[in-house]
Protein backbone atom coordinates (compact mmCIF):
# COMPACT_ATOMS: atom_id res chain seq x y z
CA SER A 1 -51.01 -238.65 -155.41
CA ASP A 2 -50.33 -241.53 -157.83
CA THR A 3 -53.72 -243.09 -157.23
CA LYS A 4 -56.13 -240.16 -157.16
CA GLU A 5 -55.96 -236.56 -158.35
CA LYS A 6 -52.80 -234.85 -159.55
CA VAL A 7 -51.91 -231.16 -159.29
CA LEU A 8 -49.53 -229.54 -161.80
CA LEU A 9 -47.86 -226.32 -160.64
CA GLN A 10 -45.83 -224.25 -163.07
CA GLY A 11 -44.98 -220.60 -163.57
CA PHE A 12 -44.34 -219.98 -159.86
CA ARG A 13 -41.15 -218.87 -158.15
CA VAL A 14 -39.70 -221.97 -156.48
CA ASN A 15 -36.66 -222.57 -154.28
CA VAL A 16 -35.57 -226.22 -154.26
CA SER A 17 -32.91 -228.12 -152.30
CA ALA A 18 -32.78 -231.79 -153.33
CA VAL A 19 -30.06 -233.93 -151.75
CA PRO A 20 -29.62 -237.46 -153.15
CA GLY A 21 -29.46 -240.27 -150.61
CA MET A 22 -26.56 -242.72 -150.48
CA ASN A 23 -25.29 -245.60 -148.32
CA GLY A 24 -28.42 -245.92 -146.22
CA PHE A 25 -29.27 -242.22 -145.95
CA ASP A 26 -32.53 -241.14 -147.54
CA SER A 27 -32.74 -238.49 -150.23
CA ILE A 28 -34.54 -235.35 -149.09
CA LEU A 29 -36.34 -232.45 -150.73
CA GLN A 30 -36.94 -229.04 -149.20
CA CYS A 31 -39.04 -226.80 -151.44
CA THR A 32 -40.72 -223.41 -151.07
CA ILE A 33 -43.29 -222.09 -153.54
CA GLU A 34 -44.30 -218.43 -153.81
CA GLY A 35 -47.50 -217.10 -155.34
CA LEU A 36 -49.96 -219.90 -154.60
CA SER A 37 -53.49 -218.88 -153.66
CA ARG A 38 -54.61 -219.51 -150.09
CA GLU A 39 -57.27 -221.90 -151.36
CA LYS A 40 -54.66 -223.96 -153.20
CA MET A 41 -52.30 -223.99 -150.21
CA TYR A 42 -55.05 -225.09 -147.82
CA ARG A 43 -55.99 -227.87 -150.21
CA LEU A 44 -52.39 -229.13 -150.49
CA THR A 45 -51.55 -228.90 -146.78
CA ALA A 46 -50.40 -232.18 -145.21
CA ILE A 47 -48.94 -232.25 -141.69
CA GLY A 48 -48.47 -234.88 -139.00
CA PHE A 49 -47.35 -238.48 -139.25
CA ILE A 50 -47.41 -240.26 -142.60
CA LYS A 51 -50.23 -242.80 -142.52
CA PRO A 52 -50.99 -245.74 -144.85
CA ASP A 53 -53.74 -243.77 -146.60
CA ASN A 54 -51.38 -240.94 -147.60
CA ILE A 55 -48.13 -242.87 -148.10
CA PHE A 56 -48.49 -242.43 -151.85
CA ASN A 57 -48.76 -238.63 -151.76
CA GLN A 58 -45.96 -238.18 -154.26
CA ILE A 59 -44.16 -235.08 -155.52
CA THR A 60 -42.11 -234.79 -158.69
CA ILE A 61 -39.85 -231.79 -159.33
CA PHE A 62 -38.90 -231.04 -162.93
CA ALA A 63 -35.98 -228.73 -163.78
CA GLY A 64 -34.40 -227.45 -166.98
CA ASP A 65 -35.19 -224.97 -169.70
CA SER A 66 -38.25 -224.52 -171.90
CA GLU A 67 -37.04 -227.15 -174.36
CA ASN A 68 -35.82 -229.85 -172.00
CA MET A 69 -37.33 -230.60 -168.58
CA GLU A 70 -35.87 -233.45 -166.53
CA ILE A 71 -36.84 -235.01 -163.20
CA ALA A 72 -34.76 -233.47 -160.40
CA PHE A 73 -36.52 -235.24 -157.51
CA LYS A 74 -39.31 -237.74 -156.98
CA GLY A 75 -40.49 -238.92 -153.58
CA THR A 76 -43.16 -238.98 -150.88
CA ILE A 77 -44.44 -235.81 -149.21
CA SER A 78 -43.75 -235.76 -145.46
CA GLN A 79 -44.91 -232.22 -144.63
CA ALA A 80 -46.63 -229.56 -146.73
CA TYR A 81 -47.72 -226.36 -144.99
CA ILE A 82 -48.18 -222.60 -145.21
CA ASP A 83 -45.38 -220.41 -143.85
CA ALA A 84 -46.75 -216.96 -143.01
CA SER A 85 -43.93 -215.90 -140.70
CA TYR A 86 -42.63 -213.32 -143.20
CA GLN A 87 -45.86 -211.50 -144.00
CA PRO A 88 -46.89 -210.02 -146.29
CA ASP A 89 -44.82 -212.65 -148.14
CA ILE A 90 -46.42 -216.07 -147.74
CA VAL A 91 -44.81 -219.25 -149.06
CA PHE A 92 -45.79 -222.89 -149.22
CA ASN A 93 -43.22 -225.30 -147.76
CA ILE A 94 -42.85 -228.93 -148.82
CA VAL A 95 -40.58 -231.55 -147.26
CA ALA A 96 -40.33 -234.92 -148.99
CA TYR A 97 -38.21 -238.07 -148.80
CA GLY A 98 -37.18 -240.49 -151.51
CA ALA A 99 -37.62 -243.83 -149.71
CA THR A 100 -40.60 -243.30 -147.40
CA VAL A 101 -42.63 -245.98 -149.17
CA GLU A 102 -39.83 -248.51 -148.67
CA ALA A 103 -39.34 -247.51 -145.01
CA LEU A 104 -43.03 -248.14 -144.20
CA ASN A 105 -43.58 -251.00 -146.62
CA THR A 106 -43.45 -254.09 -144.35
CA LYS A 107 -43.50 -257.30 -146.34
CA THR A 108 -42.97 -260.94 -145.49
CA ALA A 109 -39.41 -262.07 -144.89
CA THR A 110 -37.18 -262.67 -147.91
CA SER A 111 -35.05 -265.82 -147.96
CA TYR A 112 -32.93 -267.70 -150.50
CA LYS A 113 -31.47 -271.18 -150.25
CA GLY A 114 -28.28 -271.97 -152.08
CA THR A 115 -26.29 -269.65 -154.34
CA VAL A 116 -27.96 -266.50 -155.66
CA LYS A 117 -26.72 -263.40 -157.47
CA VAL A 118 -26.54 -260.32 -155.26
CA ALA A 119 -28.00 -258.11 -157.99
CA ASP A 120 -30.99 -260.47 -158.34
CA VAL A 121 -31.78 -260.10 -154.63
CA PHE A 122 -31.68 -256.29 -154.85
CA LYS A 123 -33.85 -256.44 -157.97
CA SER A 124 -36.45 -258.55 -156.14
CA LEU A 125 -36.44 -256.09 -153.22
CA ALA A 126 -37.08 -253.23 -155.64
CA ALA A 127 -39.91 -255.20 -157.23
CA GLU A 128 -41.69 -255.73 -153.91
CA SER A 129 -42.00 -251.98 -153.48
CA ASN A 130 -44.40 -249.66 -155.28
CA GLY A 131 -42.95 -248.32 -158.52
CA LEU A 132 -39.26 -248.64 -157.56
CA ALA A 133 -37.04 -249.13 -160.62
CA PHE A 134 -33.68 -250.92 -160.46
CA GLU A 135 -30.21 -250.11 -161.80
CA ASN A 136 -27.21 -252.43 -161.46
CA VAL A 137 -23.83 -250.77 -161.99
CA ASN A 138 -21.45 -253.71 -162.56
CA VAL A 139 -22.33 -255.78 -159.49
CA ASP A 140 -21.58 -259.46 -160.24
CA LYS A 141 -21.18 -261.00 -156.76
CA GLN A 142 -22.90 -264.15 -155.54
CA ILE A 143 -23.97 -265.19 -152.05
CA GLU A 144 -25.42 -268.24 -150.32
CA ASP A 145 -28.33 -268.80 -147.93
CA ILE A 146 -29.70 -265.43 -146.88
CA TYR A 147 -32.65 -264.32 -144.74
CA LEU A 148 -33.93 -260.75 -144.62
CA ALA A 149 -36.79 -259.36 -142.50
CA GLY A 150 -38.37 -255.97 -141.80
CA SER A 151 -39.47 -253.22 -144.15
CA THR A 152 -38.20 -253.12 -147.71
CA LEU A 153 -35.72 -250.39 -146.76
CA ASP A 154 -34.51 -252.43 -143.76
CA LYS A 155 -33.85 -255.39 -146.05
CA ILE A 156 -31.99 -253.26 -148.58
CA ARG A 157 -29.79 -251.64 -145.92
CA ARG A 158 -28.95 -254.93 -144.19
CA PHE A 159 -28.22 -256.75 -147.42
CA ALA A 160 -26.03 -253.89 -148.65
CA ARG A 161 -23.96 -253.98 -145.45
CA TYR A 162 -23.67 -257.75 -145.58
CA THR A 163 -22.52 -257.84 -149.22
CA ASN A 164 -20.37 -254.67 -149.06
CA ILE A 165 -22.46 -252.94 -151.72
CA ASN A 166 -23.20 -249.22 -152.05
CA PHE A 167 -26.76 -248.22 -152.89
CA SER A 168 -28.92 -245.17 -153.36
CA ILE A 169 -32.66 -244.61 -153.78
CA HIS A 170 -33.18 -241.43 -155.75
CA ASN A 171 -36.02 -240.43 -158.09
CA ARG A 172 -37.62 -243.83 -157.38
CA ILE A 173 -34.60 -245.75 -158.68
CA LEU A 174 -32.65 -248.25 -156.56
CA SER A 175 -29.04 -248.13 -157.82
CA ILE A 176 -26.29 -250.47 -156.60
CA TRP A 177 -22.52 -250.58 -157.16
CA ASP A 178 -19.59 -252.48 -155.64
CA ARG A 179 -17.62 -250.55 -152.99
CA THR A 180 -14.41 -252.33 -154.01
CA LYS A 181 -14.60 -251.48 -157.71
CA PRO A 182 -14.37 -248.15 -159.56
CA LEU A 183 -17.46 -246.85 -161.28
CA PRO A 184 -17.58 -247.40 -165.06
CA SER A 185 -16.57 -244.46 -167.25
CA GLN A 186 -20.18 -243.72 -168.26
CA SER A 187 -20.99 -243.05 -164.59
CA ILE A 188 -18.35 -240.32 -164.25
CA ILE A 189 -19.64 -236.76 -164.68
CA THR A 190 -17.29 -234.41 -166.53
CA VAL A 191 -17.56 -230.76 -165.49
CA SER A 192 -16.24 -228.13 -167.89
CA ALA A 193 -14.94 -224.78 -166.65
CA ASN A 194 -13.35 -222.92 -169.54
CA SER A 195 -15.29 -224.01 -172.62
CA PRO A 196 -18.20 -222.32 -174.43
CA ASP A 197 -20.42 -225.05 -172.92
CA ALA A 198 -19.13 -224.54 -169.37
CA THR A 199 -21.41 -225.88 -166.64
CA MET A 200 -19.37 -225.03 -163.52
CA LEU A 201 -20.52 -221.81 -161.85
CA LYS A 202 -17.51 -221.23 -159.59
CA TYR A 203 -14.30 -222.87 -158.44
CA PRO A 204 -14.69 -226.05 -156.32
CA THR A 205 -14.43 -225.89 -152.54
CA VAL A 206 -13.48 -228.53 -149.98
CA SER A 207 -15.97 -229.43 -147.23
CA GLY A 208 -14.84 -232.13 -144.84
CA THR A 209 -14.13 -235.20 -146.96
CA MET A 210 -16.12 -233.90 -149.91
CA LEU A 211 -15.44 -231.70 -152.92
CA GLU A 212 -18.30 -229.28 -153.54
CA ILE A 213 -18.94 -228.06 -157.09
CA ASP A 214 -21.71 -225.66 -158.13
CA VAL A 215 -22.89 -226.45 -161.66
CA LEU A 216 -25.81 -225.77 -163.92
CA PHE A 217 -28.57 -228.37 -163.55
CA THR A 218 -28.07 -231.60 -165.47
CA SER A 219 -30.14 -234.76 -165.30
CA LYS A 220 -26.99 -236.96 -165.21
C-alpha cells in the first residue's frame, strides 16, 4: 500500500507476465511467487471486489540484474491468493491492473470553454488522479468547447477517441501520441540480433497483425 505498510519481497522465484495497456485497454500483471511462508501469504491475501479502502493496494515489479533494477510494472492489486492446487508446490498468485485507480476515481465533470490544447487537457486529467505522471509525445493539437464526465479513465478514453489520440497508462504514466503522426526517433526501440550486445532471444514471429519479438528485459 502507498499509504500504510510496505512489503519488500526479493530472493524468491517469480514468474511474471506484464502486458502494457494501449488504446483504451488496461495494462495487466499476472505474477506467481514461490517460496513464501504460509503466514506471509495469508497476510498478503486479497480477494473479492476492489473497494475504496483498498484501491491503493499497489504492487511494483522490479526487473534487471544486480547492478541495475528498473520498474517493469506498477499498478493496483486486484486479486492476491494462495494456489495450492499443485501440492506439495504452493505458489502465491497476484493479478494487478495499471489503471484501476483511474477506473474507480469518479470526479466532477471536466469542461473547457474556448480553445484549449489537447495535451493540456490530458495533463489535467492525469493530475486529478492519484500519482499519475504525464508524458506528451509530440501532440500539438487544439480543440474548442469540451465537456467530459465519468471516472478519470472514462474521460481519458472519450477524449482520446474524440481527438484521435493514442494513449497508454503503464507504470503509472499516462502517455499520449498522435495517431496520424509517426513516433519520434527516440521512441523507436532498436533490437540487435548479431552483435556482442544482442538482446533478441530468437527470430521474430507473426501473430495476427502483430510482430512478436522475444528480447532480454529493457526498461525502454
